[in-house]
Amino acid sequence: MRALLIAIAVLSSPVLLADDTLIDVPGIIGKSEVAVAEMVGQPTECTSTKHGRKCIYEKAETEIVFIRGKADWITVEGIDTLPFNKNTLGAIGIKAQTPSFTNDFTMRWEPLQGMRSISLFGAGSNADYFYIKAYTE
């Protein structure tokens, strides 16, 4: 009976897979703060930086820098349970593709789907975070 209860608990627990979309980055880039908030919820904090406003969102532990009023630099940190591989692109709404650069700690796609660069950083066998530059170097 105990084994059955454990099996039910494990099978009914949500499991995050690399191709499950946590946040739709292609849908966010270029959007205003208001439009982004409609998509991912209100930010928990916003500050002014030399590049533009930087807002932090709970959804997928995401930080967005709005350059000239548009979502441009995006950091997604809520991926540390996912594997460090190209399939993890699915977590940000992008189909898996071969990176243009890779080493033991970094995968980079330049350019990809109209974005300047997407970098995935790893911590051992797991992903650590994505850093996306949509338009501005």
Protein backbone atom coordinates (compact mmCIF):
# COMPACT_ATOMS: atom_id res chain seq x y z
CA MET A 1 0.00 0.00 0.00
CA ARG A 2 2.80 2.42 0.89
CA ALA A 3 4.53 1.76 -2.45
CA LEU A 4 1.26 2.52 -4.24
CA LEU A 5 0.90 5.86 -2.41
CA ILE A 6 4.49 6.81 -3.25
CA ALA A 7 3.94 5.91 -6.90
CA ILE A 8 0.76 8.01 -7.04
CA ALA A 9 2.55 10.97 -5.42
CA VAL A 10 5.45 10.77 -7.85
CA LEU A 11 3.24 10.40 -10.91
CA SER A 12 0.92 13.23 -9.89
CA SER A 13 3.74 15.69 -9.09
CA PRO A 14 4.40 18.25 -11.79
CA VAL A 15 7.65 17.47 -13.58
CA LEU A 16 9.31 20.21 -15.54
CA LEU A 17 10.74 19.01 -18.82
CA ALA A 18 13.28 20.87 -20.96
CA ASP A 19 10.75 21.41 -23.75
CA ASP A 20 8.02 22.74 -21.41
CA THR A 21 7.67 26.49 -21.97
CA LEU A 22 8.21 28.43 -18.75
CA ILE A 23 8.25 31.83 -20.40
CA ASP A 24 7.67 32.86 -24.02
CA VAL A 25 10.80 34.90 -24.75
CA PRO A 26 10.05 35.36 -28.50
CA GLY A 27 6.67 36.77 -27.48
CA ILE A 28 8.21 39.17 -24.95
CA ILE A 29 11.08 40.73 -26.91
CA GLY A 30 10.35 44.20 -28.16
CA LYS A 31 7.31 44.62 -25.93
CA SER A 32 6.69 47.52 -23.54
CA GLU A 33 6.63 47.13 -19.75
CA VAL A 34 2.83 47.24 -19.82
CA ALA A 35 2.60 44.53 -22.49
CA VAL A 36 5.13 42.32 -20.67
CA ALA A 37 3.20 42.69 -17.39
CA GLU A 38 0.04 41.56 -19.20
CA MET A 39 1.89 38.44 -20.36
CA VAL A 40 3.85 37.44 -17.24
CA GLY A 41 2.32 39.39 -14.36
CA GLN A 42 3.37 42.51 -12.51
CA PRO A 43 7.05 42.93 -11.68
CA THR A 44 8.14 42.47 -8.08
CA GLU A 45 10.67 45.29 -8.47
CA CYS A 46 11.84 47.83 -11.05
CA THR A 47 14.91 50.06 -10.95
CA SER A 48 16.53 52.50 -13.33
CA THR A 49 19.89 51.58 -14.84
CA LYS A 50 22.16 53.36 -17.31
CA HIS A 51 20.69 51.19 -20.08
CA GLY A 52 17.00 51.53 -19.17
CA ARG A 53 14.50 50.24 -16.64
CA LYS A 54 15.20 46.80 -15.20
CA CYS A 55 12.25 44.82 -13.87
CA ILE A 56 12.17 41.51 -12.03
CA TYR A 57 9.29 39.06 -12.46
CA GLU A 58 8.38 35.96 -10.49
CA LYS A 59 7.54 33.98 -13.61
CA ALA A 60 10.57 31.78 -14.33
CA GLU A 61 12.65 34.11 -12.11
CA THR A 62 13.00 36.54 -15.01
CA GLU A 63 14.77 39.89 -15.19
CA ILE A 64 14.17 42.21 -18.15
CA VAL A 65 16.01 45.37 -19.12
CA PHE A 66 13.82 47.67 -21.19
CA ILE A 67 16.09 49.59 -23.56
CA ARG A 68 14.37 52.53 -25.27
CA GLY A 69 11.15 51.28 -23.66
CA LYS A 70 11.27 47.79 -25.19
CA ALA A 71 12.14 44.41 -23.65
CA ASP A 72 15.67 43.78 -24.86
CA TRP A 73 18.02 42.04 -22.39
CA ILE A 74 16.36 39.10 -20.65
CA THR A 75 17.75 36.81 -17.95
CA VAL A 76 15.79 33.66 -17.06
CA GLU A 77 17.04 32.00 -13.88
CA GLY A 78 14.21 29.60 -13.01
CA ILE A 79 15.68 26.70 -15.01
CA ASP A 80 18.11 25.06 -12.59
CA THR A 81 16.18 21.78 -12.52
CA LEU A 82 16.55 21.42 -16.29
CA PRO A 83 19.43 19.69 -18.10
CA PHE A 84 22.26 21.69 -19.63
CA ASN A 85 21.55 20.88 -23.28
CA LYS A 86 20.02 22.41 -26.41
CA ASN A 87 16.57 21.02 -25.62
CA THR A 88 16.30 23.47 -22.72
CA LEU A 89 15.59 26.17 -25.33
CA GLY A 90 12.02 24.84 -25.14
CA ALA A 91 11.73 26.36 -21.66
CA ILE A 92 11.92 29.83 -23.22
CA GLY A 93 9.64 29.03 -26.17
CA ILE A 94 12.25 28.12 -28.78
CA LYS A 95 12.64 24.82 -30.62
CA ALA A 96 15.92 22.97 -29.92
CA GLN A 97 18.69 23.88 -32.33
CA THR A 98 22.41 23.26 -32.57
CA PRO A 99 24.34 26.08 -30.84
CA SER A 100 26.83 28.20 -32.78
CA PHE A 101 29.22 27.98 -29.81
CA THR A 102 29.55 25.51 -26.97
CA ASN A 103 31.93 24.54 -24.18
CA ASP A 104 31.54 22.82 -20.80
CA PHE A 105 29.70 25.80 -19.26
CA THR A 106 28.10 27.76 -22.10
CA MET A 107 25.95 27.25 -25.17
CA ARG A 108 25.33 30.22 -27.46
CA TRP A 109 23.11 30.76 -30.47
CA GLU A 110 23.94 33.80 -32.64
CA PRO A 111 21.61 34.99 -34.13
CA LEU A 112 18.45 33.04 -33.45
CA GLN A 113 14.82 33.85 -34.34
CA GLY A 114 15.54 37.54 -34.80
CA MET A 115 17.45 37.86 -31.54
CA ARG A 116 21.09 38.96 -31.43
CA SER A 117 22.17 36.15 -29.08
CA ILE A 118 20.89 33.57 -26.62
CA SER A 119 23.31 32.13 -24.09
CA LEU A 120 22.62 29.18 -21.82
CA PHE A 121 24.95 28.77 -18.86
CA GLY A 122 25.33 25.48 -17.04
CA ALA A 123 26.24 24.35 -13.57
CA GLY A 124 27.44 20.77 -13.89
CA SER A 125 24.87 18.71 -15.75
CA ASN A 126 22.04 21.19 -15.05
CA ALA A 127 21.19 24.49 -16.65
CA ASP A 128 21.84 27.60 -14.57
CA TYR A 129 20.35 30.52 -16.51
CA PHE A 130 19.62 31.99 -19.95
CA TYR A 131 20.86 35.42 -21.01
CA ILE A 132 19.19 36.83 -24.10
CA LYS A 133 20.15 39.96 -26.03
CA ALA A 134 17.33 40.73 -28.40
CA TYR A 135 18.51 43.87 -30.18
CA THR A 136 21.18 45.83 -28.29
CA GLU A 137 24.75 44.61 -27.95
